[in-house]
């Protein structure tokens, strides 16, 4: 966190889990993994274990039931107390902006009902277009043998929604029940010691793939909606973590993020895409897939954090897609922004507010690639300055407010030459 502070980065803390526990992947310590010594079963993709592992599902069941551990305190109560401890530590720390309470919470053994419902909806869809009557079992076999081929039949928004919407009611029962109560418990614990940072909440596991969330923002003890809440949604095509990732459906991705956008509007909370991508590797198409995601995020004004950065990530060709101009700070309310990777054109519009004195800052990955003649400002660009970042090609275009409420717009061209190619050097 100190390293982030020294480099001008903000941090939100994510108490991460995959398959609930360090026993199966990462997450809860062994003492908090109440699996009742059930067997752990894995599949062809790591996340399949959510759906087929009795040990993973039982651990989640006991978490939602707040089953007591050896000290006679409920395992979920321990989790809330852990967040309270973390929040107490970072009170007043301006680098830490908030707390992402749980990564992709999972329904436990109730998930055994999801796949039969999804397979049945898929079977009904393809049966309506064929002389053959398909069953859920037929679809289960298709899925196991070649999920890429199976997903080709639901590659449009309309067809994909007909399948994923089949589990909305089931998923909503989990989100409105145990998950909502859990988030409120943790929020209460955090707000006892910290009322200044953002409470980030994630939808449940199946919403990653296009099921609309039924969650609501947490509330303060007075019954008012907590004003410092953000929806830290995750979104992935169903081909994630497979060799066919590059063949992800643009339509499916658009539906997933459209649903997230709609949910953010319904709840009246800002949206941060807390996870997307998982593009690790060098197979063709991954750079285009990165651009597709980012263009959708720009459309909906989503901020985002890519999953995941690690040693050597910057060596992959897709990584350059992540290095693009964007409005880092806005002196008012953002209306729209976009970056055209083909032409190098960047556009941004915002409503400047008279009561905001701080400047708008546009991040530019390579200042050498932007010339003053290619910067257009409406109504003008008086007072704008360039602020280079130490040790980097990039920097900020800083635009001072004009002291009155009005709409402003900026556009510029990032020239594409060998000399000014957008790149990042990591040392």
Protein backbone atom coordinates (compact mmCIF):
# COMPACT_ATOMS: atom_id res chain seq x y z
CA UNK A 1 0.00 0.00 0.00
CA UNK A 2 2.90 2.33 0.69
CA UNK A 3 4.33 1.48 -2.75
CA UNK A 4 0.97 2.39 -4.31
CA UNK A 5 0.93 5.66 -2.37
CA UNK A 6 4.44 6.50 -3.54
CA UNK A 7 3.30 6.02 -7.14
CA UNK A 8 0.04 7.97 -6.93
CA UNK A 9 -2.24 4.93 -7.01
CA UNK A 10 -5.43 4.36 -5.05
CA UNK A 11 -6.16 0.94 -3.57
CA UNK A 12 -9.27 -0.93 -2.59
CA UNK A 13 -8.79 -4.07 -0.54
CA UNK A 14 -10.29 -7.32 -1.79
CA UNK A 15 -10.75 -10.25 0.60
CA UNK A 16 -10.40 -12.77 -2.18
CA UNK A 17 -11.52 -16.37 -2.46
CA UNK A 18 -11.65 -19.02 -5.15
CA UNK A 19 -13.39 -22.29 -4.22
CA UNK A 20 -13.81 -20.80 -0.72
CA UNK A 21 -10.58 -21.97 0.89
CA UNK A 22 -6.82 -22.35 0.77
CA UNK A 23 -7.54 -26.08 0.94
CA UNK A 24 -8.89 -25.99 -2.62
CA UNK A 25 -7.52 -22.76 -4.10
CA UNK A 26 -7.40 -19.55 -2.08
CA UNK A 27 -9.47 -17.85 0.57
CA UNK A 28 -10.49 -18.97 4.04
CA UNK A 29 -7.89 -20.55 6.33
CA UNK A 30 -8.27 -24.24 7.11
CA UNK A 31 -9.78 -23.59 10.55
CA UNK A 32 -12.62 -21.65 8.90
CA UNK A 33 -13.23 -24.27 6.19
CA UNK A 34 -16.09 -26.34 7.56
CA UNK A 35 -16.27 -28.95 4.82
CA UNK A 36 -17.33 -31.80 7.14
CA UNK A 37 -14.58 -33.91 5.52
CA UNK A 38 -16.58 -34.16 2.31
CA UNK A 39 -14.64 -35.13 -0.84
CA UNK A 40 -13.22 -32.48 -3.12
CA UNK A 41 -13.88 -33.11 -6.82
CA UNK A 42 -12.38 -31.11 -9.68
CA UNK A 43 -13.31 -30.71 -13.35
CA UNK A 44 -11.70 -29.75 -16.63
CA UNK A 45 -11.78 -26.05 -15.64
CA UNK A 46 -10.77 -25.01 -12.11
CA UNK A 47 -14.11 -23.28 -11.44
CA UNK A 48 -16.06 -26.48 -12.24
CA UNK A 49 -15.34 -27.51 -8.65
CA UNK A 50 -17.88 -24.93 -7.48
CA UNK A 51 -20.54 -27.05 -9.16
CA UNK A 52 -19.30 -30.57 -8.42
CA UNK A 53 -17.25 -30.50 -5.21
CA UNK A 54 -19.17 -31.52 -2.06
CA UNK A 55 -16.33 -30.13 0.06
CA UNK A 56 -16.52 -26.67 -1.53
CA UNK A 57 -20.31 -26.54 -1.43
CA UNK A 58 -20.49 -27.71 2.20
CA UNK A 59 -17.94 -25.09 3.23
CA UNK A 60 -20.14 -22.40 1.69
CA UNK A 61 -23.28 -23.87 3.30
CA UNK A 62 -21.71 -23.63 6.74
CA UNK A 63 -20.55 -20.10 6.03
CA UNK A 64 -24.07 -18.95 5.14
CA UNK A 65 -25.45 -20.74 8.22
CA UNK A 66 -22.79 -19.02 10.36
CA UNK A 67 -21.82 -22.38 11.83
CA UNK A 68 -19.61 -22.08 14.89
CA UNK A 69 -15.93 -22.92 14.69
CA UNK A 70 -13.82 -24.30 17.54
CA UNK A 71 -14.02 -21.09 19.63
CA UNK A 72 -17.86 -21.17 19.53
CA UNK A 73 -18.01 -18.08 17.32
CA UNK A 74 -19.78 -18.29 13.97
CA UNK A 75 -17.51 -18.50 10.93
CA UNK A 76 -19.37 -15.61 9.28
CA UNK A 77 -19.05 -13.54 12.46
CA UNK A 78 -15.30 -14.11 12.30
CA UNK A 79 -15.33 -12.80 8.72
CA UNK A 80 -17.17 -9.62 9.73
CA UNK A 81 -14.80 -9.10 12.65
CA UNK A 82 -11.82 -9.53 10.31
CA UNK A 83 -13.13 -6.74 8.10
CA UNK A 84 -13.69 -4.55 11.13
CA UNK A 85 -10.06 -5.15 12.12
CA UNK A 86 -8.83 -4.25 8.63
CA UNK A 87 -11.01 -1.13 8.47
CA UNK A 88 -9.78 0.04 11.85
CA UNK A 89 -6.20 -0.25 10.65
CA UNK A 90 -6.77 1.89 7.54
CA UNK A 91 -8.94 4.63 9.02
CA UNK A 92 -7.47 7.89 7.78
CA UNK A 93 -5.32 6.24 5.11
CA UNK A 94 -6.08 8.19 1.92
CA UNK A 95 -4.49 5.61 -0.39
CA UNK A 96 -7.02 2.95 0.63
CA UNK A 97 -10.34 4.14 -0.79
CA UNK A 98 -12.53 1.20 0.19
CA UNK A 99 -13.20 -2.44 0.90
CA UNK A 100 -14.31 -5.10 -1.61
CA UNK A 101 -16.04 -7.36 0.87
CA UNK A 102 -16.11 -10.74 -0.88
CA UNK A 103 -15.03 -12.08 -4.24
CA UNK A 104 -17.83 -13.78 -6.20
CA UNK A 105 -19.91 -15.20 -3.32
CA UNK A 106 -21.31 -18.64 -4.11
CA UNK A 107 -24.61 -20.22 -3.06
CA UNK A 108 -23.19 -23.54 -1.83
CA UNK A 109 -25.09 -26.78 -2.33
CA UNK A 110 -28.07 -24.84 -3.68
CA UNK A 111 -25.95 -24.52 -6.83
CA UNK A 112 -26.79 -28.13 -7.63
CA UNK A 113 -30.14 -26.80 -8.87
CA UNK A 114 -28.63 -24.23 -11.25
CA UNK A 115 -27.11 -26.36 -13.97
CA UNK A 116 -30.18 -28.61 -14.49
CA UNK A 117 -32.29 -25.45 -14.92
CA UNK A 118 -29.80 -23.95 -17.36
CA UNK A 119 -29.46 -27.19 -19.30
CA UNK A 120 -33.24 -27.52 -19.48
CA UNK A 121 -33.60 -23.97 -20.85
CA UNK A 122 -30.88 -24.68 -23.41
CA UNK A 123 -32.56 -27.98 -24.39
CA UNK A 124 -35.89 -26.22 -24.91
CA UNK A 125 -34.22 -23.57 -27.07
CA UNK A 126 -32.50 -25.99 -29.45
CA UNK A 127 -35.48 -28.41 -29.46
CA UNK A 128 -37.71 -25.60 -30.74
CA UNK A 129 -35.47 -25.41 -33.80
CA UNK A 130 -35.05 -29.12 -34.43
CA UNK A 131 -37.06 -32.25 -35.06
CA UNK A 132 -35.26 -33.83 -32.13
CA UNK A 133 -36.43 -33.45 -28.55
CA UNK A 134 -33.35 -32.65 -26.47
CA UNK A 135 -33.19 -33.23 -22.74
CA UNK A 136 -31.17 -31.59 -19.99
CA UNK A 137 -29.04 -34.74 -19.90
CA UNK A 138 -28.29 -34.39 -23.61
CA UNK A 139 -27.11 -30.84 -23.02
CA UNK A 140 -25.01 -31.88 -20.02
CA UNK A 141 -23.17 -34.30 -22.27
CA UNK A 142 -22.68 -31.61 -24.93
CA UNK A 143 -21.28 -29.28 -22.27
CA UNK A 144 -18.89 -31.85 -20.93
CA UNK A 145 -17.64 -32.95 -24.34
CA UNK A 146 -17.22 -29.53 -25.98
CA UNK A 147 -18.56 -26.44 -24.25
CA UNK A 148 -17.23 -24.21 -27.03
CA UNK A 149 -19.46 -25.91 -29.59
CA UNK A 150 -22.39 -25.82 -27.17
CA UNK A 151 -21.95 -22.08 -26.61
CA UNK A 152 -22.03 -21.37 -30.34
CA UNK A 153 -25.79 -21.92 -30.20
CA UNK A 154 -26.19 -19.11 -27.65
CA UNK A 155 -23.81 -16.58 -29.17
CA UNK A 156 -26.40 -13.80 -29.55
CA UNK A 157 -27.82 -11.62 -26.77
CA UNK A 158 -31.35 -12.83 -27.34
CA UNK A 159 -30.53 -16.52 -27.26
CA UNK A 160 -28.08 -16.26 -24.39
CA UNK A 161 -30.57 -14.33 -22.26
CA UNK A 162 -33.21 -17.02 -22.84
CA UNK A 163 -30.91 -19.48 -21.09
CA UNK A 164 -29.32 -17.45 -18.28
CA UNK A 165 -32.60 -15.80 -17.29
CA UNK A 166 -33.96 -19.22 -16.37
CA UNK A 167 -32.03 -19.13 -13.07
CA UNK A 168 -32.89 -15.55 -12.12
CA UNK A 169 -35.50 -16.46 -9.52
CA UNK A 170 -33.31 -19.12 -7.93
CA UNK A 171 -30.31 -16.81 -7.81
CA UNK A 172 -32.41 -13.94 -6.50
CA UNK A 173 -33.53 -16.04 -3.54
CA UNK A 174 -29.88 -16.48 -2.55
CA UNK A 175 -28.96 -12.84 -3.10
CA UNK A 176 -32.00 -11.40 -1.32
CA UNK A 177 -31.60 -13.85 1.55
CA UNK A 178 -28.22 -15.02 2.89
CA UNK A 179 -26.04 -12.76 0.73
CA UNK A 180 -27.87 -9.50 1.45
CA UNK A 181 -27.91 -10.25 5.17
CA UNK A 182 -24.18 -11.05 5.09
CA UNK A 183 -23.31 -7.79 3.33
CA UNK A 184 -25.35 -5.84 5.87
CA UNK A 185 -23.57 -7.61 8.75
CA UNK A 186 -20.14 -6.75 7.35
CA UNK A 187 -21.21 -3.18 6.56
CA UNK A 188 -22.37 -2.71 10.15
CA UNK A 189 -19.03 -3.99 11.43
CA UNK A 190 -16.99 -1.75 9.12
CA UNK A 191 -19.08 1.36 9.81
CA UNK A 192 -18.45 0.99 13.54
CA UNK A 193 -14.87 2.07 12.89
CA UNK A 194 -14.80 3.67 9.42
CA UNK A 195 -17.54 5.75 7.82
CA UNK A 196 -15.37 7.43 5.20
CA UNK A 197 -14.39 4.67 2.80
CA UNK A 198 -16.36 2.99 0.01
CA UNK A 199 -18.18 -0.28 0.65
CA UNK A 200 -17.69 -2.28 -2.55
CA UNK A 201 -20.01 -5.24 -3.01
CA UNK A 202 -19.89 -7.94 -5.64
CA UNK A 203 -22.82 -9.85 -7.07
CA UNK A 204 -23.03 -13.63 -6.71
CA UNK A 205 -21.02 -16.05 -8.84
CA UNK A 206 -23.61 -16.71 -11.56
CA UNK A 207 -24.09 -13.01 -12.25
CA UNK A 208 -20.57 -12.98 -13.70
CA UNK A 209 -22.12 -14.59 -16.79
CA UNK A 210 -25.17 -12.40 -17.36
CA UNK A 211 -27.73 -13.20 -14.65
CA UNK A 212 -29.07 -9.90 -13.30
CA UNK A 213 -28.31 -9.27 -9.66
CA UNK A 214 -31.14 -8.79 -7.15
CA UNK A 215 -28.93 -7.19 -4.51
CA UNK A 216 -29.65 -3.83 -2.91
CA UNK A 217 -27.22 -1.30 -1.39
CA UNK A 218 -26.49 -1.77 2.30
CA UNK A 219 -27.98 0.66 4.80
CA UNK A 220 -26.76 2.68 7.74
CA UNK A 221 -28.07 1.99 11.24
CA UNK A 222 -30.63 4.79 10.78
CA UNK A 223 -32.20 2.93 7.85
CA UNK A 224 -30.83 5.28 5.20
CA UNK A 225 -28.97 3.85 2.21
CA UNK A 226 -25.23 4.07 2.80
CA UNK A 227 -24.05 6.86 0.44
CA UNK A 228 -20.55 5.36 0.17
CA UNK A 229 -21.47 2.19 -1.72
CA UNK A 230 -20.29 0.96 -5.11
CA UNK A 231 -21.20 -2.09 -7.16
CA UNK A 232 -17.91 -3.90 -7.86
CA UNK A 233 -19.25 -6.24 -10.53
CA UNK A 234 -17.28 -8.94 -12.33
CA UNK A 235 -17.94 -10.02 -15.90
CA UNK A 236 -16.59 -12.89 -18.00
CA UNK A 237 -17.71 -14.82 -21.03
CA UNK A 238 -18.29 -18.52 -20.32
CA UNK A 239 -15.17 -19.38 -22.32
CA UNK A 240 -12.95 -17.79 -19.68
CA UNK A 241 -10.16 -20.04 -18.37
CA UNK A 242 -10.42 -22.27 -21.45
CA UNK A 243 -8.25 -22.58 -24.56
CA UNK A 244 -11.12 -21.04 -26.55
CA UNK A 245 -11.10 -17.73 -24.66
CA UNK A 246 -10.18 -15.76 -27.78
CA UNK A 247 -13.45 -16.94 -29.36
CA UNK A 248 -15.59 -15.28 -26.69
CA UNK A 249 -18.86 -13.90 -27.97
CA UNK A 250 -19.08 -10.11 -28.21
CA UNK A 251 -22.86 -10.40 -27.90
CA UNK A 252 -22.59 -12.38 -24.67
CA UNK A 253 -20.14 -9.85 -23.24
CA UNK A 254 -22.43 -6.99 -24.21
CA UNK A 255 -25.35 -8.67 -22.44
CA UNK A 256 -23.30 -9.30 -19.30
CA UNK A 257 -22.21 -5.66 -18.99
CA UNK A 258 -25.60 -4.34 -20.10
CA UNK A 259 -27.14 -6.21 -17.17
CA UNK A 260 -24.51 -4.79 -14.82
CA UNK A 261 -25.23 -1.28 -16.10
CA UNK A 262 -28.97 -1.77 -15.61
CA UNK A 263 -28.43 -3.06 -12.08
CA UNK A 264 -26.25 -0.09 -11.18
CA UNK A 265 -28.98 2.26 -12.40
CA UNK A 266 -31.65 0.34 -10.49
CA UNK A 267 -29.66 0.58 -7.27
CA UNK A 268 -28.53 4.16 -8.00
CA UNK A 269 -24.91 3.33 -7.22
CA UNK A 270 -21.68 3.77 -9.20
CA UNK A 271 -20.24 0.73 -10.94
CA UNK A 272 -16.67 -0.48 -10.93
CA UNK A 273 -15.84 -3.55 -12.98
CA UNK A 274 -13.72 -5.17 -10.30
CA UNK A 275 -12.66 -8.06 -12.52
CA UNK A 276 -12.57 -8.76 -16.22
CA UNK A 277 -10.19 -10.25 -18.75
CA UNK A 278 -8.14 -13.16 -17.42
CA UNK A 279 -6.41 -12.95 -20.80
CA UNK A 280 -3.10 -14.50 -19.76
CA UNK A 281 -1.39 -16.01 -22.76
CA UNK A 282 -0.37 -15.11 -26.27
CA UNK A 283 -2.95 -16.77 -28.50
CA UNK A 284 -4.38 -14.67 -31.37
CA UNK A 285 -7.50 -12.66 -30.64
CA UNK A 286 -6.82 -11.75 -27.02
CA UNK A 287 -5.82 -8.18 -27.83
CA UNK A 288 -9.06 -7.69 -29.78
CA UNK A 289 -10.98 -9.19 -26.87
CA UNK A 290 -9.37 -6.68 -24.52
CA UNK A 291 -10.38 -3.81 -26.82
CA UNK A 292 -13.94 -5.15 -26.99
CA UNK A 293 -14.26 -5.16 -23.20
CA UNK A 294 -12.78 -1.70 -22.83
CA UNK A 295 -15.04 -0.18 -25.50
CA UNK A 296 -18.06 -1.54 -23.62
CA UNK A 297 -16.75 -0.03 -20.38
CA UNK A 298 -16.35 3.35 -22.06
CA UNK A 299 -19.90 3.13 -23.37
CA UNK A 300 -21.27 2.69 -19.84
CA UNK A 301 -18.68 4.92 -18.11
CA UNK A 302 -17.45 1.99 -16.04
CA UNK A 303 -14.17 2.29 -14.27
CA UNK A 304 -12.38 -1.04 -14.14
CA UNK A 305 -9.57 -3.09 -12.70
CA UNK A 306 -8.13 -5.79 -14.93
CA UNK A 307 -7.70 -9.35 -13.61
CA UNK A 308 -4.89 -9.87 -13.10
CA UNK A 309 -1.48 -8.22 -13.13
CA UNK A 310 1.61 -10.23 -12.22
CA UNK A 311 5.28 -10.56 -13.08
CA UNK A 312 5.66 -10.70 -16.85
CA UNK A 313 2.13 -9.53 -17.68
CA UNK A 314 3.48 -6.51 -19.56
CA UNK A 315 5.24 -8.84 -22.02
CA UNK A 316 1.97 -10.09 -23.53
CA UNK A 317 0.68 -8.32 -26.62
CA UNK A 318 -2.81 -7.83 -25.14
CA UNK A 319 -1.34 -5.74 -22.32
CA UNK A 320 -0.88 -2.74 -24.61
CA UNK A 321 -4.65 -2.62 -25.02
CA UNK A 322 -4.93 -1.74 -21.34
CA UNK A 323 -2.68 1.30 -21.74
CA UNK A 324 -5.06 3.90 -23.11
CA UNK A 325 -6.12 7.49 -22.36
CA UNK A 326 -8.96 8.05 -19.92
CA UNK A 327 -10.37 10.78 -17.63
CA UNK A 328 -8.71 10.15 -14.26
CA UNK A 329 -10.37 13.12 -12.48
CA UNK A 330 -13.37 15.15 -13.59
CA UNK A 331 -14.24 18.63 -12.34
CA UNK A 332 -17.93 17.84 -12.34
CA UNK A 333 -19.89 14.98 -13.88
CA UNK A 334 -18.63 12.80 -16.72
CA UNK A 335 -20.99 12.62 -19.71
CA UNK A 336 -19.05 10.44 -22.13
CA UNK A 337 -15.60 9.41 -23.23
CA UNK A 338 -14.13 7.12 -25.84
CA UNK A 339 -10.86 6.07 -27.41
CA UNK A 340 -10.70 4.74 -30.96
CA UNK A 341 -7.78 2.36 -31.09
CA UNK A 342 -7.80 2.36 -34.89
CA UNK A 343 -7.62 6.13 -35.43
CA UNK A 344 -6.03 7.17 -32.13
CA UNK A 345 -8.83 9.68 -31.46
CA UNK A 346 -9.87 10.41 -27.87
CA UNK A 347 -13.02 12.34 -26.91
CA UNK A 348 -14.37 13.35 -23.52
CA UNK A 349 -17.38 15.43 -22.43
CA UNK A 350 -18.30 16.53 -18.93
CA UNK A 351 -20.57 18.95 -17.09
CA UNK A 352 -18.30 21.24 -15.14
CA UNK A 353 -19.70 22.26 -11.74
CA UNK A 354 -19.16 25.75 -10.36
CA UNK A 355 -18.59 24.49 -6.82
CA UNK A 356 -15.71 22.16 -7.81
CA UNK A 357 -12.36 23.89 -7.83
CA UNK A 358 -10.11 20.88 -8.57
CA UNK A 359 -9.04 20.45 -12.22
CA UNK A 360 -9.99 17.77 -14.71
CA UNK A 361 -7.11 15.39 -15.43
CA UNK A 362 -6.89 13.28 -18.58
CA UNK A 363 -4.32 10.49 -18.47
CA UNK A 364 -2.24 10.17 -21.66
CA UNK A 365 -0.04 7.05 -21.93
CA UNK A 366 2.57 8.67 -24.16
CA UNK A 367 2.87 12.44 -24.14
CA UNK A 368 5.19 12.35 -27.16
CA UNK A 369 2.31 10.96 -29.21
CA UNK A 370 0.09 14.02 -28.67
CA UNK A 371 0.89 17.39 -30.19
CA UNK A 372 -0.72 20.67 -29.17
CA UNK A 373 -2.10 21.15 -32.69
CA UNK A 374 -4.16 17.98 -32.30
CA UNK A 375 -5.85 19.07 -29.05
CA UNK A 376 -9.29 20.61 -29.41
CA UNK A 377 -11.10 22.12 -26.40
CA UNK A 378 -14.65 23.44 -26.14
CA UNK A 379 -15.18 26.22 -25.16
CA UNK A 380 -11.40 26.77 -24.97
CA UNK A 381 -8.24 25.35 -23.44
CA UNK A 382 -6.99 28.35 -21.50
CA UNK A 383 -5.08 27.24 -18.44
CA UNK A 384 -4.48 23.64 -19.56
CA UNK A 385 -1.05 22.25 -18.80
CA UNK A 386 0.87 19.02 -19.30
CA UNK A 387 2.11 17.21 -16.21
CA UNK A 388 4.61 14.42 -17.00
CA UNK A 389 4.85 11.42 -14.69
CA UNK A 390 8.33 10.78 -13.39
CA UNK A 391 9.99 7.74 -14.94
CA UNK A 392 7.24 7.29 -17.51
CA UNK A 393 6.36 8.33 -21.05
CA UNK A 394 2.89 9.17 -19.80
CA UNK A 395 1.35 12.02 -17.89
CA UNK A 396 -1.74 14.14 -17.41
CA UNK A 397 -3.40 16.85 -19.42
CA UNK A 398 -4.64 19.14 -16.64
CA UNK A 399 -7.63 21.35 -17.44
CA UNK A 400 -8.46 24.07 -14.94
CA UNK A 401 -12.15 24.76 -14.29
CA UNK A 402 -13.56 27.98 -15.73
CA UNK A 403 -15.49 28.92 -12.59
CA UNK A 404 -19.02 28.34 -13.87
CA UNK A 405 -21.34 25.44 -14.57
CA UNK A 406 -21.13 24.48 -18.22
CA UNK A 407 -20.51 21.57 -20.55
CA UNK A 408 -16.94 21.08 -21.67
CA UNK A 409 -15.36 18.85 -24.27
CA UNK A 410 -11.88 17.82 -25.25
CA UNK A 411 -10.59 15.74 -28.13
CA UNK A 412 -7.11 14.90 -29.27
CA UNK A 413 -5.29 12.52 -31.55
CA UNK A 414 -2.66 10.06 -30.43
CA UNK A 415 -0.34 9.82 -33.39
CA UNK A 416 0.67 6.31 -34.34
CA UNK A 417 4.30 6.26 -35.32
CA UNK A 418 7.11 3.92 -34.42
CA UNK A 419 8.54 6.62 -32.20
CA UNK A 420 5.33 7.37 -30.35
CA UNK A 421 3.78 3.94 -30.10
CA UNK A 422 1.87 3.56 -26.83
CA UNK A 423 3.87 1.31 -24.58
CA UNK A 424 4.75 0.71 -20.97
CA UNK A 425 8.14 0.01 -19.52
CA UNK A 426 8.13 -1.92 -16.26
CA UNK A 427 11.39 -2.17 -14.33
